[in-house]
Amino acid sequence: QVQLAESGGGLVQAGGSLRLSCAASGRAFNTYNMGWFRQAPGKEREFLASITYTGGNTSYAVSVTGRFTISKDNAKDTVYLQMNSLKPEDTAVYYCAADRLMFRLEGGWGNYWGQGTQVTVSS
């Protein structure tokens, strides 16, 4: 069992940056692949980025490639999402997720999810 808690959301102007954190509690965090998703009002949940359990490989959605960076600190049981050059269309609730199977994680069917943190980007 893994519990996830996101933090770091808030209000930022377009062009600004935020770093989201996702703290995990429970067992064997370093055996889980981790991912970030977001959901804007009236839209489906969208995959943003994933990182393997070792932290050695990452994958990104086209919409955030070059602007967002995912990283994982197994010593701190935390995964991060550094978001730069933010745009108003990045406004959404951001979620982290965990699963031992990458295809299930990236498909949006991960076993464990946080409660989400709101990110609002003003123009």
C-alpha atoms as a PDB file:
ATOM      1  CA  GLN A   1       0.000   0.000   0.000  1.00  0.00           C
ATOM      2  CA  VAL A   2       1.269   3.464  -0.958  1.00  0.00           C
ATOM      3  CA  GLN A   3      -0.212   6.801   0.026  1.00  0.00           C
ATOM      4  CA  LEU A   4       0.584   9.838  -2.117  1.00  0.00           C
ATOM      5  CA  ALA A   5       0.274  13.511  -1.238  1.00  0.00           C
ATOM      6  CA  GLU A   6       0.883  16.314  -3.716  1.00  0.00           C
ATOM      7  CA  SER A   7       1.969  19.824  -2.781  1.00  0.00           C
ATOM      8  CA  GLY A   8       3.404  22.917  -4.407  1.00  0.00           C
ATOM      9  CA  GLY A   9       0.463  24.071  -6.474  1.00  0.00           C
ATOM     10  CA  GLY A  10      -0.704  27.658  -6.535  1.00  0.00           C
ATOM     11  CA  LEU A  11      -1.263  30.740  -8.631  1.00  0.00           C
ATOM     12  CA  VAL A  12       1.466  31.853 -11.026  1.00  0.00           C
ATOM     13  CA  GLN A  13       1.686  34.266 -13.936  1.00  0.00           C
ATOM     14  CA  ALA A  14       2.193  33.030 -17.458  1.00  0.00           C
ATOM     15  CA  GLY A  15       5.860  32.387 -18.122  1.00  0.00           C
ATOM     16  CA  GLY A  16       6.520  31.544 -14.498  1.00  0.00           C
ATOM     17  CA  SER A  17       7.577  28.320 -12.820  1.00  0.00           C
ATOM     18  CA  LEU A  18       6.358  25.956 -10.134  1.00  0.00           C
ATOM     19  CA  ARG A  19       7.720  22.770  -8.646  1.00  0.00           C
ATOM     20  CA  LEU A  20       5.228  20.166  -7.539  1.00  0.00           C
ATOM     21  CA  SER A  21       6.132  17.504  -5.015  1.00  0.00           C
ATOM     22  CA  CYS A  22       4.522  14.160  -4.376  1.00  0.00           C
ATOM     23  CA  ALA A  23       5.456  12.576  -1.073  1.00  0.00           C
ATOM     24  CA  ALA A  24       4.883   8.875  -0.671  1.00  0.00           C
ATOM     25  CA  SER A  25       4.358   6.865   2.449  1.00  0.00           C
ATOM     26  CA  GLY A  26       4.069   3.148   2.766  1.00  0.00           C
ATOM     27  CA  ARG A  27       6.230   0.355   1.613  1.00  0.00           C
ATOM     28  CA  ALA A  28       8.868   0.036  -1.067  1.00  0.00           C
ATOM     29  CA  PHE A  29       8.494   3.405  -2.806  1.00  0.00           C
ATOM     30  CA  ASN A  30      11.661   2.673  -4.764  1.00  0.00           C
ATOM     31  CA  THR A  31       9.923  -0.224  -6.530  1.00  0.00           C
ATOM     32  CA  TYR A  32       7.215   1.954  -8.070  1.00  0.00           C
ATOM     33  CA  ASN A  33       7.152   3.776 -11.357  1.00  0.00           C
ATOM     34  CA  MET A  34       5.726   7.255 -10.861  1.00  0.00           C
ATOM     35  CA  GLY A  35       3.738   9.593 -13.046  1.00  0.00           C
ATOM     36  CA  TRP A  36       2.106  13.005 -13.187  1.00  0.00           C
ATOM     37  CA  PHE A  37      -1.294  13.726 -14.698  1.00  0.00           C
ATOM     38  CA  ARG A  38      -3.595  16.719 -14.802  1.00  0.00           C
ATOM     39  CA  GLN A  39      -7.262  17.370 -15.289  1.00  0.00           C
ATOM     40  CA  ALA A  40      -8.734  20.681 -16.335  1.00  0.00           C
ATOM     41  CA  PRO A  41     -12.433  21.511 -15.850  1.00  0.00           C
ATOM     42  CA  GLY A  42     -14.547  19.779 -18.440  1.00  0.00           C
ATOM     43  CA  LYS A  43     -11.620  17.802 -19.827  1.00  0.00           C
ATOM     44  CA  GLU A  44     -10.349  14.265 -19.454  1.00  0.00           C
ATOM     45  CA  ARG A  45      -7.390  13.460 -17.288  1.00  0.00           C
ATOM     46  CA  GLU A  46      -4.166  13.877 -19.253  1.00  0.00           C
ATOM     47  CA  PHE A  47      -0.866  12.031 -18.886  1.00  0.00           C
ATOM     48  CA  LEU A  48       2.085  14.406 -18.486  1.00  0.00           C
ATOM     49  CA  ALA A  49       5.219  12.525 -17.474  1.00  0.00           C
ATOM     50  CA  SER A  50       6.506   9.280 -16.038  1.00  0.00           C
ATOM     51  CA  ILE A  51       9.693   8.025 -14.467  1.00  0.00           C
ATOM     52  CA  THR A  52      10.884   4.491 -13.876  1.00  0.00           C
ATOM     53  CA  TYR A  53      11.285   3.147 -10.369  1.00  0.00           C
ATOM     54  CA  THR A  54      15.061   3.567 -10.577  1.00  0.00           C
ATOM     55  CA  GLY A  55      14.728   7.101 -11.882  1.00  0.00           C
ATOM     56  CA  GLY A  56      16.760   6.164 -14.907  1.00  0.00           C
ATOM     57  CA  ASN A  57      14.184   6.725 -17.650  1.00  0.00           C
ATOM     58  CA  THR A  58      11.578   9.384 -18.211  1.00  0.00           C
ATOM     59  CA  SER A  59       8.795   9.947 -20.694  1.00  0.00           C
ATOM     60  CA  TYR A  60       6.770  13.072 -21.487  1.00  0.00           C
ATOM     61  CA  ALA A  61       3.631  14.102 -23.271  1.00  0.00           C
ATOM     62  CA  VAL A  62       4.221  16.275 -26.322  1.00  0.00           C
ATOM     63  CA  SER A  63       2.348  19.148 -24.702  1.00  0.00           C
ATOM     64  CA  VAL A  64       4.922  19.494 -21.911  1.00  0.00           C
ATOM     65  CA  THR A  65       8.152  18.266 -23.501  1.00  0.00           C
ATOM     66  CA  GLY A  66      10.892  20.814 -23.009  1.00  0.00           C
ATOM     67  CA  ARG A  67       8.964  22.699 -20.316  1.00  0.00           C
ATOM     68  CA  PHE A  68       8.318  20.105 -17.585  1.00  0.00           C
ATOM     69  CA  THR A  69      10.831  17.803 -15.892  1.00  0.00           C
ATOM     70  CA  ILE A  70      10.027  14.812 -13.715  1.00  0.00           C
ATOM     71  CA  SER A  71      12.495  13.545 -11.137  1.00  0.00           C
ATOM     72  CA  LYS A  72      12.482  11.043  -8.288  1.00  0.00           C
ATOM     73  CA  ASP A  73      14.353  10.993  -5.002  1.00  0.00           C
ATOM     74  CA  ASN A  74      14.121   7.503  -3.570  1.00  0.00           C
ATOM     75  CA  ALA A  75      15.929   8.562  -0.410  1.00  0.00           C
ATOM     76  CA  LYS A  76      13.142  11.049   0.314  1.00  0.00           C
ATOM     77  CA  ASP A  77      10.287   8.961  -1.112  1.00  0.00           C
ATOM     78  CA  THR A  78       9.341  11.920  -3.253  1.00  0.00           C
ATOM     79  CA  VAL A  79       8.736  12.599  -6.923  1.00  0.00           C
ATOM     80  CA  TYR A  80       8.858  16.094  -8.378  1.00  0.00           C
ATOM     81  CA  LEU A  81       7.504  17.910 -11.397  1.00  0.00           C
ATOM     82  CA  GLN A  82       9.408  21.053 -12.314  1.00  0.00           C
ATOM     83  CA  MET A  83       7.197  23.200 -14.524  1.00  0.00           C
ATOM     84  CA  ASN A  84       8.696  26.097 -16.469  1.00  0.00           C
ATOM     85  CA  SER A  85       7.308  28.521 -19.036  1.00  0.00           C
ATOM     86  CA  LEU A  86       3.803  27.978 -17.727  1.00  0.00           C
ATOM     87  CA  LYS A  87       0.842  28.878 -19.902  1.00  0.00           C
ATOM     88  CA  PRO A  88      -2.783  29.608 -19.007  1.00  0.00           C
ATOM     89  CA  GLU A  89      -3.738  26.302 -20.633  1.00  0.00           C
ATOM     90  CA  ASP A  90      -1.648  24.516 -17.984  1.00  0.00           C
ATOM     91  CA  THR A  91      -4.298  25.435 -15.433  1.00  0.00           C
ATOM     92  CA  ALA A  92      -5.615  22.213 -13.935  1.00  0.00           C
ATOM     93  CA  VAL A  93      -5.571  19.936 -10.916  1.00  0.00           C
ATOM     94  CA  TYR A  94      -2.316  17.988 -10.962  1.00  0.00           C
ATOM     95  CA  TYR A  95      -2.108  14.416  -9.676  1.00  0.00           C
ATOM     96  CA  CYS A  96       0.694  11.999  -9.057  1.00  0.00           C
ATOM     97  CA  ALA A  97       0.270   8.271  -9.435  1.00  0.00           C
ATOM     98  CA  ALA A  98       2.238   5.108  -8.768  1.00  0.00           C
ATOM     99  CA  ASP A  99       2.259   1.620 -10.219  1.00  0.00           C
ATOM    100  CA  ARG A 100       4.752  -1.185 -10.683  1.00  0.00           C
ATOM    101  CA  LEU A 101       3.612  -1.637 -14.305  1.00  0.00           C
ATOM    102  CA  MET A 102       4.525   1.282 -16.566  1.00  0.00           C
ATOM    103  CA  PHE A 103       1.863   0.575 -19.202  1.00  0.00           C
ATOM    104  CA  ARG A 104      -0.819   0.664 -16.528  1.00  0.00           C
ATOM    105  CA  LEU A 105       0.580   3.843 -15.004  1.00  0.00           C
ATOM    106  CA  GLU A 106       0.854   5.737 -18.304  1.00  0.00           C
ATOM    107  CA  GLY A 107      -2.565   4.473 -19.356  1.00  0.00           C
ATOM    108  CA  GLY A 108      -4.119   6.198 -16.379  1.00  0.00           C
ATOM    109  CA  TRP A 109      -4.933   3.016 -14.501  1.00  0.00           C
ATOM    110  CA  GLY A 110      -2.266   3.299 -11.833  1.00  0.00           C
ATOM    111  CA  ASN A 111      -2.937   1.601  -8.534  1.00  0.00           C
ATOM    112  CA  TYR A 112      -2.283   4.594  -6.337  1.00  0.00           C
ATOM    113  CA  TRP A 113      -3.254   8.255  -6.716  1.00  0.00           C
ATOM    114  CA  GLY A 114      -2.893  11.393  -4.698  1.00  0.00           C
ATOM    115  CA  GLN A 115      -5.662  13.881  -3.996  1.00  0.00           C
ATOM    116  CA  GLY A 116      -4.324  16.484  -6.378  1.00  0.00           C
ATOM    117  CA  THR A 117      -3.013  20.031  -6.162  1.00  0.00           C
ATOM    118  CA  GLN A 118      -4.456  23.020  -8.026  1.00  0.00           C
ATOM    119  CA  VAL A 119      -2.269  24.950 -10.444  1.00  0.00           C
ATOM    120  CA  THR A 120      -3.635  28.189 -11.861  1.00  0.00           C
ATOM    121  CA  VAL A 121      -1.744  30.169 -14.475  1.00  0.00           C
ATOM    122  CA  SER A 122      -2.919  33.716 -15.091  1.00  0.00           C
ATOM    123  CA  SER A 123      -2.432  35.506 -18.382  1.00  0.00           C
END
